[in-house]
Every structure is written in structure tokens, then in C-alpha cells.
PDB file of all heavy atoms in Angstrom:
ATOM      1  N   ARG A   1      72.481  38.523  95.824  1.00  0.00           N
ATOM      2  CA  ARG A   1      71.985  38.850  94.430  1.00  0.00           C
ATOM      3  C   ARG A   1      71.369  37.619  93.687  1.00  0.00           C
ATOM      4  O   ARG A   1      71.822  36.432  93.933  1.00  0.00           O
ATOM      5  CB  ARG A   1      73.028  39.501  93.471  1.00  0.00           C
ATOM      6  CG  ARG A   1      73.979  38.612  93.012  1.00  0.00           C
ATOM      7  CD  ARG A   1      74.943  39.379  92.078  1.00  0.00           C
ATOM      8  NE  ARG A   1      75.988  38.356  91.545  1.00  0.00           N
ATOM      9  CZ  ARG A   1      77.265  38.244  91.957  1.00  0.00           C
ATOM     10  NH1 ARG A   1      77.709  38.977  92.871  1.00  0.00           N
ATOM     11  NH2 ARG A   1      77.991  37.413  91.316  1.00  0.00           N
ATOM     12  N   GLY A   2      70.304  37.681  92.915  1.00  0.00           N
ATOM     13  CA  GLY A   2      69.641  36.686  92.200  1.00  0.00           C
ATOM     14  C   GLY A   2      68.246  37.046  91.912  1.00  0.00           C
ATOM     15  O   GLY A   2      67.899  38.239  91.821  1.00  0.00           O
ATOM     16  N   THR A   3      67.578  35.877  91.399  1.00  0.00           N
ATOM     17  CA  THR A   3      66.042  36.158  91.070  1.00  0.00           C
ATOM     18  C   THR A   3      65.283  35.717  92.136  1.00  0.00           C
ATOM     19  O   THR A   3      65.250  34.546  92.363  1.00  0.00           O
ATOM     20  CB  THR A   3      65.935  35.446  89.652  1.00  0.00           C
ATOM     21  OG1 THR A   3      66.867  35.965  88.721  1.00  0.00           O
ATOM     22  CG2 THR A   3      64.454  35.702  89.143  1.00  0.00           C
ATOM     23  N   TYR A   4      64.381  36.538  92.577  1.00  0.00           N
ATOM     24  CA  TYR A   4      63.377  36.180  93.658  1.00  0.00           C
ATOM     25  C   TYR A   4      61.971  36.069  93.120  1.00  0.00           C
ATOM     26  O   TYR A   4      61.580  36.875  92.371  1.00  0.00           O
ATOM     27  CB  TYR A   4      63.556  37.299  94.773  1.00  0.00           C
ATOM     28  CG  TYR A   4      64.779  37.339  95.554  1.00  0.00           C
ATOM     29  CD1 TYR A   4      65.955  37.802  94.896  1.00  0.00           C
ATOM     30  CD2 TYR A   4      64.771  36.943  96.868  1.00  0.00           C
ATOM     31  CE1 TYR A   4      67.133  37.881  95.688  1.00  0.00           C
ATOM     32  CE2 TYR A   4      66.041  36.932  97.504  1.00  0.00           C
ATOM     33  CZ  TYR A   4      67.202  37.310  96.910  1.00  0.00           C
ATOM     34  OH  TYR A   4      68.293  37.313  97.646  1.00  0.00           O
ATOM     35  N   THR A   5      61.261  35.085  93.693  1.00  0.00           N
ATOM     36  CA  THR A   5      59.937  34.884  93.174  1.00  0.00           C
ATOM     37  C   THR A   5      59.114  34.903  94.413  1.00  0.00           C
ATOM     38  O   THR A   5      59.222  34.151  95.312  1.00  0.00           O
ATOM     39  CB  THR A   5      59.779  33.589  92.438  1.00  0.00           C
ATOM     40  OG1 THR A   5      60.649  33.475  91.307  1.00  0.00           O
ATOM     41  CG2 THR A   5      58.340  33.300  91.889  1.00  0.00           C
ATOM     42  N   CYS A   6      57.787  35.749  94.278  1.00  0.00           N
ATOM     43  CA  CYS A   6      56.861  35.802  95.305  1.00  0.00           C
ATOM     44  C   CYS A   6      55.775  35.006  94.761  1.00  0.00           C
ATOM     45  O   CYS A   6      55.068  35.399  93.688  1.00  0.00           O
ATOM     46  CB  CYS A   6      56.501  37.233  95.399  1.00  0.00           C
ATOM     47  SG  CYS A   6      55.074  37.641  96.449  1.00  0.00           S
ATOM     48  N   GLN A   7      55.242  33.959  95.472  1.00  0.00           N
ATOM     49  CA  GLN A   7      54.197  33.281  94.978  1.00  0.00           C
ATOM     50  C   GLN A   7      52.953  33.191  96.197  1.00  0.00           C
ATOM     51  O   GLN A   7      53.358  32.930  97.268  1.00  0.00           O
ATOM     52  CB  GLN A   7      54.508  31.819  94.703  1.00  0.00           C
ATOM     53  CG  GLN A   7      53.352  30.974  94.063  1.00  0.00           C
ATOM     54  CD  GLN A   7      53.743  29.576  93.996  1.00  0.00           C
ATOM     55  OE1 GLN A   7      53.913  28.945  94.907  1.00  0.00           O
ATOM     56  NE2 GLN A   7      54.114  29.184  92.690  1.00  0.00           N
ATOM     57  N   VAL A   8      51.924  33.518  95.715  1.00  0.00           N
ATOM     58  CA  VAL A   8      50.693  33.527  96.680  1.00  0.00           C
ATOM     59  C   VAL A   8      49.644  32.702  96.092  1.00  0.00           C
ATOM     60  O   VAL A   8      49.265  32.573  94.978  1.00  0.00           O
ATOM     61  CB  VAL A   8      50.119  34.851  96.958  1.00  0.00           C
ATOM     62  CG1 VAL A   8      48.957  34.984  97.943  1.00  0.00           C
ATOM     63  CG2 VAL A   8      51.151  35.927  97.399  1.00  0.00           C
ATOM     64  N   THR A   9      49.065  31.713  97.076  1.00  0.00           N
ATOM     65  CA  THR A   9      47.913  30.920  96.733  1.00  0.00           C
ATOM     66  C   THR A   9      46.744  31.303  97.701  1.00  0.00           C
ATOM     67  O   THR A   9      47.045  31.608  98.846  1.00  0.00           O
ATOM     68  CB  THR A   9      48.258  29.468  97.025  1.00  0.00           C
ATOM     69  OG1 THR A   9      49.320  29.088  96.081  1.00  0.00           O
ATOM     70  CG2 THR A   9      47.015  28.664  96.716  1.00  0.00           C
ATOM     71  N   TRP A  10      45.620  31.537  97.085  1.00  0.00           N
ATOM     72  CA  TRP A  10      44.435  31.938  97.797  1.00  0.00           C
ATOM     73  C   TRP A  10      43.342  30.696  97.683  1.00  0.00           C
ATOM     74  O   TRP A  10      43.331  30.100  96.626  1.00  0.00           O
ATOM     75  CB  TRP A  10      43.637  33.142  97.199  1.00  0.00           C
ATOM     76  CG  TRP A  10      44.619  34.434  97.299  1.00  0.00           C
ATOM     77  CD1 TRP A  10      44.617  35.380  98.218  1.00  0.00           C
ATOM     78  CD2 TRP A  10      45.346  34.899  96.197  1.00  0.00           C
ATOM     79  NE1 TRP A  10      45.288  36.392  97.898  1.00  0.00           N
ATOM     80  CE2 TRP A  10      45.853  36.200  96.726  1.00  0.00           C
ATOM     81  CE3 TRP A  10      45.840  34.338  94.953  1.00  0.00           C
ATOM     82  CZ2 TRP A  10      46.849  36.873  95.950  1.00  0.00           C
ATOM     83  CZ3 TRP A  10      46.709  35.156  94.204  1.00  0.00           C
ATOM     84  CH2 TRP A  10      47.263  36.270  94.654  1.00  0.00           C
ATOM     85  N   ARG A  11      42.502  30.658  98.787  1.00  0.00           N
ATOM     86  CA  ARG A  11      41.431  29.648  98.698  1.00  0.00           C
ATOM     87  C   ARG A  11      40.084  30.508  98.512  1.00  0.00           C
ATOM     88  O   ARG A  11      39.873  31.404  99.367  1.00  0.00           O
ATOM     89  CB  ARG A  11      41.332  28.863  99.965  1.00  0.00           C
ATOM     90  CG  ARG A  11      40.270  27.829  99.897  1.00  0.00           C
ATOM     91  CD  ARG A  11      40.352  26.918 101.155  1.00  0.00           C
ATOM     92  NE  ARG A  11      41.496  26.084 101.276  1.00  0.00           N
ATOM     93  CZ  ARG A  11      41.743  24.888 100.606  1.00  0.00           C
ATOM     94  NH1 ARG A  11      40.918  24.510  99.708  1.00  0.00           N
ATOM     95  NH2 ARG A  11      42.819  24.358 100.755  1.00  0.00           N
ATOM     96  N   ALA A  12      39.283  30.209  97.469  1.00  0.00           N
ATOM     97  CA  ALA A  12      38.025  30.869  97.298  1.00  0.00           C
ATOM     98  C   ALA A  12      36.947  30.179  98.253  1.00  0.00           C
ATOM     99  O   ALA A  12      37.163  29.252  98.825  1.00  0.00           O
ATOM    100  CB  ALA A  12      37.649  30.734  95.903  1.00  0.00           C
ATOM    101  N   SER A  13      35.871  30.890  98.273  1.00  0.00           N
ATOM    102  CA  SER A  13      34.698  30.363  99.193  1.00  0.00           C
ATOM    103  C   SER A  13      34.181  29.038  98.672  1.00  0.00           C
ATOM    104  O   SER A  13      33.611  28.276  99.514  1.00  0.00           O
ATOM    105  CB  SER A  13      33.606  31.468  99.265  1.00  0.00           C
ATOM    106  OG  SER A  13      33.196  31.864  98.097  1.00  0.00           O
ATOM    107  N   ASN A  14      34.454  28.674  97.385  1.00  0.00           N
ATOM    108  CA  ASN A  14      34.010  27.341  96.952  1.00  0.00           C
ATOM    109  C   ASN A  14      35.038  26.299  97.174  1.00  0.00           C
ATOM    110  O   ASN A  14      35.015  25.204  96.405  1.00  0.00           O
ATOM    111  CB  ASN A  14      33.472  27.477  95.536  1.00  0.00           C
ATOM    112  CG  ASN A  14      34.615  27.894  94.518  1.00  0.00           C
ATOM    113  OD1 ASN A  14      35.717  28.033  94.835  1.00  0.00           O
ATOM    114  ND2 ASN A  14      34.219  28.018  93.300  1.00  0.00           N
ATOM    115  N   ASN A  15      36.153  26.750  97.763  1.00  0.00           N
ATOM    116  CA  ASN A  15      37.354  25.844  98.040  1.00  0.00           C
ATOM    117  C   ASN A  15      38.392  25.756  96.938  1.00  0.00           C
ATOM    118  O   ASN A  15      39.301  24.902  96.900  1.00  0.00           O
ATOM    119  CB  ASN A  15      36.913  24.438  98.558  1.00  0.00           C
ATOM    120  CG  ASN A  15      36.791  24.612 100.052  1.00  0.00           C
ATOM    121  OD1 ASN A  15      37.382  25.432 100.690  1.00  0.00           O
ATOM    122  ND2 ASN A  15      36.056  23.478 100.729  1.00  0.00           N
ATOM    123  N   SER A  16      37.976  26.393  95.740  1.00  0.00           N
ATOM    124  CA  SER A  16      39.038  26.263  94.642  1.00  0.00           C
ATOM    125  C   SER A  16      40.184  27.097  95.106  1.00  0.00           C
ATOM    126  O   SER A  16      40.083  28.126  95.873  1.00  0.00           O
ATOM    127  CB  SER A  16      38.449  26.762  93.335  1.00  0.00           C
ATOM    128  OG  SER A  16      38.131  28.109  93.526  1.00  0.00           O
ATOM    129  N   LEU A  17      41.394  26.911  94.418  1.00  0.00           N
ATOM    130  CA  LEU A  17      42.637  27.544  94.687  1.00  0.00           C
ATOM    131  C   LEU A  17      42.999  28.367  93.457  1.00  0.00           C
ATOM    132  O   LEU A  17      42.915  27.956  92.430  1.00  0.00           O
ATOM    133  CB  LEU A  17      43.770  26.612  95.168  1.00  0.00           C
ATOM    134  CG  LEU A  17      43.513  25.781  96.373  1.00  0.00           C
ATOM    135  CD1 LEU A  17      44.634  24.602  96.555  1.00  0.00           C
ATOM    136  CD2 LEU A  17      43.514  26.639  97.688  1.00  0.00           C
ATOM    137  N   ILE A  18      43.684  29.535  93.733  1.00  0.00           N
ATOM    138  CA  ILE A  18      44.142  30.462  92.718  1.00  0.00           C
ATOM    139  C   ILE A  18      45.622  30.674  93.164  1.00  0.00           C
ATOM    140  O   ILE A  18      45.917  31.073  94.260  1.00  0.00           O
ATOM    141  CB  ILE A  18      43.378  31.805  92.660  1.00  0.00           C
ATOM    142  CG1 ILE A  18      42.018  31.612  92.039  1.00  0.00           C
ATOM    143  CG2 ILE A  18      44.210  32.753  91.713  1.00  0.00           C
ATOM    144  CD1 ILE A  18      41.222  32.881  91.965  1.00  0.00           C
ATOM    145  N   THR A  19      46.585  30.594  92.242  1.00  0.00           N
ATOM    146  CA  THR A  19      48.020  30.818  92.478  1.00  0.00           C
ATOM    147  C   THR A  19      48.486  31.787  91.587  1.00  0.00           C
ATOM    148  O   THR A  19      48.266  31.670  90.410  1.00  0.00           O
ATOM    149  CB  THR A  19      48.830  29.540  92.581  1.00  0.00           C
ATOM    150  OG1 THR A  19      48.357  28.585  93.411  1.00  0.00           O
ATOM    151  CG2 THR A  19      50.403  29.858  92.897  1.00  0.00           C
ATOM    152  N   LYS A  20      49.187  32.829  92.011  1.00  0.00           N
ATOM    153  CA  LYS A  20      49.837  33.765  91.231  1.00  0.00           C
ATOM    154  C   LYS A  20      51.332  33.962  91.651  1.00  0.00           C
ATOM    155  O   LYS A  20      51.562  33.811  92.819  1.00  0.00           O
ATOM    156  CB  LYS A  20      49.145  35.191  91.289  1.00  0.00           C
ATOM    157  CG  LYS A  20      47.779  35.209  90.868  1.00  0.00           C
ATOM    158  CD  LYS A  20      47.530  35.503  89.405  1.00  0.00           C
ATOM    159  CE  LYS A  20      46.174  35.398  88.867  1.00  0.00           C
ATOM    160  NZ  LYS A  20      45.498  36.830  88.730  1.00  0.00           N
ATOM    161  N   GLU A  21      52.250  34.452  90.818  1.00  0.00           N
ATOM    162  CA  GLU A  21      53.544  34.768  91.188  1.00  0.00           C
ATOM    163  C   GLU A  21      54.167  35.922  90.266  1.00  0.00           C
ATOM    164  O   GLU A  21      53.644  36.233  89.215  1.00  0.00           O
ATOM    165  CB  GLU A  21      54.453  33.581  91.036  1.00  0.00           C
ATOM    166  CG  GLU A  21      54.579  32.914  89.673  1.00  0.00           C
ATOM    167  CD  GLU A  21      55.579  31.596  89.784  1.00  0.00           C
ATOM    168  OE1 GLU A  21      55.396  30.803  90.651  1.00  0.00           O
ATOM    169  OE2 GLU A  21      56.444  31.569  88.881  1.00  0.00           O
ATOM    170  N   ILE A  22      55.079  36.632  90.991  1.00  0.00           N
ATOM    171  CA  ILE A  22      55.883  37.540  90.220  1.00  0.00           C
ATOM    172  C   ILE A  22      57.298  37.348  90.500  1.00  0.00           C
ATOM    173  O   ILE A  22      57.659  36.834  91.537  1.00  0.00           O
ATOM    174  CB  ILE A  22      55.539  39.075  90.511  1.00  0.00           C
ATOM    175  CG1 ILE A  22      55.769  39.429  91.890  1.00  0.00           C
ATOM    176  CG2 ILE A  22      54.137  39.334  90.001  1.00  0.00           C
ATOM    177  CD1 ILE A  22      55.911  40.869  92.265  1.00  0.00           C
ATOM    178  N   THR A  23      58.224  37.889  89.600  1.00  0.00           N
ATOM    179  CA  THR A  23      59.644  37.619  89.838  1.00  0.00           C
ATOM    180  C   THR A  23      60.409  38.945  89.709  1.00  0.00           C
ATOM    181  O   THR A  23      60.050  39.797  88.870  1.00  0.00           O
ATOM    182  CB  THR A  23      60.242  36.693  88.648  1.00  0.00           C
ATOM    183  OG1 THR A  23      59.520  35.304  88.716  1.00  0.00           O
ATOM    184  CG2 THR A  23      61.673  36.408  88.730  1.00  0.00           C
ATOM    185  N   THR A  24      61.308  39.220  90.668  1.00  0.00           N
ATOM    186  CA  THR A  24      62.161  40.344  90.700  1.00  0.00           C
ATOM    187  C   THR A  24      63.675  39.999  90.830  1.00  0.00           C
ATOM    188  O   THR A  24      64.018  39.101  91.485  1.00  0.00           O
ATOM    189  CB  THR A  24      61.796  41.143  91.946  1.00  0.00           C
ATOM    190  OG1 THR A  24      60.367  41.370  91.986  1.00  0.00           O
ATOM    191  CG2 THR A  24      62.640  42.438  92.004  1.00  0.00           C
ATOM    192  N   LYS A  25      64.294  40.602  89.958  1.00  0.00           N
ATOM    193  CA  LYS A  25      65.859  40.306  89.807  1.00  0.00           C
ATOM    194  C   LYS A  25      66.584  41.403  90.717  1.00  0.00           C
ATOM    195  O   LYS A  25      66.285  42.656  90.555  1.00  0.00           O
ATOM    196  CB  LYS A  25      66.406  40.378  88.408  1.00  0.00           C
ATOM    197  CG  LYS A  25      67.834  40.039  88.214  1.00  0.00           C
ATOM    198  CD  LYS A  25      68.133  40.076  86.811  1.00  0.00           C
ATOM    199  CE  LYS A  25      69.616  39.588  86.661  1.00  0.00           C
ATOM    200  NZ  LYS A  25      70.384  40.352  85.842  1.00  0.00           N
ATOM    201  N   MET A  26      67.371  40.971  91.612  1.00  0.00           N
ATOM    202  CA  MET A  26      68.073  41.842  92.565  1.00  0.00           C
ATOM    203  C   MET A  26      69.561  41.902  92.330  1.00  0.00           C
ATOM    204  O   MET A  26      70.148  40.790  92.377  1.00  0.00           O
ATOM    205  CB  MET A  26      67.848  41.635  93.951  1.00  0.00           C
ATOM    206  CG  MET A  26      68.444  42.599  94.955  1.00  0.00           C
ATOM    207  SD  MET A  26      68.051  42.549  96.624  1.00  0.00           S
ATOM    208  CE  MET A  26      68.750  41.057  97.074  1.00  0.00           C
ATOM    209  N   GLU A  27      70.216  42.986  92.216  1.00  0.00           N
ATOM    210  CA  GLU A  27      71.652  43.159  92.099  1.00  0.00           C
ATOM    211  C   GLU A  27      72.030  43.803  93.449  1.00  0.00           C
ATOM    212  O   GLU A  27      71.320  44.573  94.030  1.00  0.00           O
ATOM    213  CB  GLU A  27      72.019  44.186  91.050  1.00  0.00           C
ATOM    214  CG  GLU A  27      72.326  43.458  89.672  1.00  0.00           C
ATOM    215  CD  GLU A  27      73.219  42.453  89.722  1.00  0.00           C
ATOM    216  OE1 GLU A  27      74.338  42.507  90.427  1.00  0.00           O
ATOM    217  OE2 GLU A  27      73.144  41.382  89.042  1.00  0.00           O
ATOM    218  N   VAL A  28      73.097  43.451  93.938  1.00  0.00           N
ATOM    219  CA  VAL A  28      73.697  43.924  95.247  1.00  0.00           C
ATOM    220  C   VAL A  28      74.941  44.794  94.771  1.00  0.00           C
ATOM    221  O   VAL A  28      75.971  44.098  94.159  1.00  0.00           O
ATOM    222  CB  VAL A  28      73.999  42.891  96.281  1.00  0.00           C
ATOM    223  CG1 VAL A  28      74.627  43.648  97.488  1.00  0.00           C
ATOM    224  CG2 VAL A  28      72.672  42.110  96.639  1.00  0.00           C
ATOM    225  N   VAL A  29      74.958  46.066  95.224  1.00  0.00           N
ATOM    226  CA  VAL A  29      76.099  46.820  94.703  1.00  0.00           C
ATOM    227  C   VAL A  29      76.954  47.446  95.924  1.00  0.00           C
ATOM    228  O   VAL A  29      76.377  47.623  96.941  1.00  0.00           O
ATOM    229  CB  VAL A  29      75.668  48.054  93.784  1.00  0.00           C
ATOM    230  CG1 VAL A  29      75.175  47.605  92.422  1.00  0.00           C
ATOM    231  CG2 VAL A  29      74.704  48.957  94.505  1.00  0.00           C
ATOM    232  N   LYS A  30      78.228  47.340  95.774  1.00  0.00           N
ATOM    233  CA  LYS A  30      79.028  48.015  96.719  1.00  0.00           C
ATOM    234  C   LYS A  30      79.400  49.425  96.445  1.00  0.00           C
ATOM    235  O   LYS A  30      79.551  49.838  95.239  1.00  0.00           O
ATOM    236  CB  LYS A  30      80.397  47.211  96.835  1.00  0.00           C
ATOM    237  CG  LYS A  30      80.395  45.907  97.474  1.00  0.00           C
ATOM    238  CD  LYS A  30      81.628  45.301  97.704  1.00  0.00           C
ATOM    239  CE  LYS A  30      81.764  44.024  98.402  1.00  0.00           C
ATOM    240  NZ  LYS A  30      83.102  43.647  98.797  1.00  0.00           N
ATOM    241  N   VAL A  31      79.342  50.263  97.532  1.00  0.00           N
ATOM    242  CA  VAL A  31      79.650  51.660  97.323  1.00  0.00           C
ATOM    243  C   VAL A  31      81.109  51.821  97.809  1.00  0.00           C
ATOM    244  O   VAL A  31      81.500  51.171  98.645  1.00  0.00           O
ATOM    245  CB  VAL A  31      78.707  52.552  98.073  1.00  0.00           C
ATOM    246  CG1 VAL A  31      77.386  52.729  97.346  1.00  0.00           C
ATOM    247  CG2 VAL A  31      78.548  52.186  99.430  1.00  0.00           C
ATOM    248  N   ALA A  32      81.755  52.807  97.224  1.00  0.00           N
ATOM    249  CA  ALA A  32      83.105  53.210  97.630  1.00  0.00           C
ATOM    250  C   ALA A  32      83.029  53.593  99.221  1.00  0.00           C
ATOM    251  O   ALA A  32      82.068  54.419  99.388  1.00  0.00           O
ATOM    252  CB  ALA A  32      83.742  54.203  96.791  1.00  0.00           C
ATOM    253  N   VAL A  33      83.978  53.220  99.942  1.00  0.00           N
ATOM    254  CA  VAL A  33      83.812  53.516 101.258  1.00  0.00           C
ATOM    255  C   VAL A  33      84.558  54.890 101.493  1.00  0.00           C
ATOM    256  O   VAL A  33      85.579  55.151 101.042  1.00  0.00           O
ATOM    257  CB  VAL A  33      84.627  52.348 102.137  1.00  0.00           C
ATOM    258  CG1 VAL A  33      84.611  52.833 103.584  1.00  0.00           C
ATOM    259  CG2 VAL A  33      83.899  51.150 102.021  1.00  0.00           C
ATOM    260  N   THR A  34      83.776  55.755 102.108  1.00  0.00           N
ATOM    261  CA  THR A  34      84.278  57.147 102.408  1.00  0.00           C
ATOM    262  C   THR A  34      83.883  57.470 103.811  1.00  0.00           C
ATOM    263  O   THR A  34      83.021  57.108 104.447  1.00  0.00           O
ATOM    264  CB  THR A  34      83.504  58.232 101.498  1.00  0.00           C
ATOM    265  OG1 THR A  34      82.118  58.024 101.690  1.00  0.00           O
ATOM    266  CG2 THR A  34      83.885  57.968 100.019  1.00  0.00           C
ATOM    267  N   LYS A  35      85.028  58.290 104.386  1.00  0.00           N
ATOM    268  CA  LYS A  35      84.834  58.753 105.744  1.00  0.00           C
ATOM    269  C   LYS A  35      83.704  59.743 105.800  1.00  0.00           C
ATOM    270  O   LYS A  35      83.425  60.429 104.840  1.00  0.00           O
ATOM    271  CB  LYS A  35      86.212  59.388 106.230  1.00  0.00           C
ATOM    272  CG  LYS A  35      87.232  58.637 106.463  1.00  0.00           C
ATOM    273  CD  LYS A  35      88.510  59.334 107.000  1.00  0.00           C
ATOM    274  CE  LYS A  35      89.534  58.529 107.293  1.00  0.00           C
ATOM    275  NZ  LYS A  35      90.764  59.244 107.695  1.00  0.00           N
ATOM    276  N   PRO A  36      83.096  59.815 107.009  1.00  0.00           N
ATOM    277  CA  PRO A  36      81.897  60.858 107.105  1.00  0.00           C
ATOM    278  C   PRO A  36      82.404  62.231 107.002  1.00  0.00           C
ATOM    279  O   PRO A  36      83.793  62.510 107.477  1.00  0.00           O
ATOM    280  CB  PRO A  36      81.349  60.671 108.432  1.00  0.00           C
ATOM    281  CG  PRO A  36      82.120  59.438 109.050  1.00  0.00           C
ATOM    282  CD  PRO A  36      83.250  59.051 108.211  1.00  0.00           C
TER     283      PRO A  36
END
């Protein structure tokens, strides 16, 4: 569990760079264990 960041950098045809990112928070939950 934690905060995850996805970051992508692109190169344009004129060699300039563009960078963007997004962040997603993830929780990990336990479920009660039950027999099938």
C-alpha cells in the first residue's frame, strides 16, 4: 500500500521533451478467510 506515480517523458520531432505524471493511492485490504 502507498502512493504510486506513473511518469512518462516523450521526445518530439524537434527533440524537445515533454514529461507528464499522475498519482494513484493504493490500499491493500485483507478479506476474511472462508472455506469454499
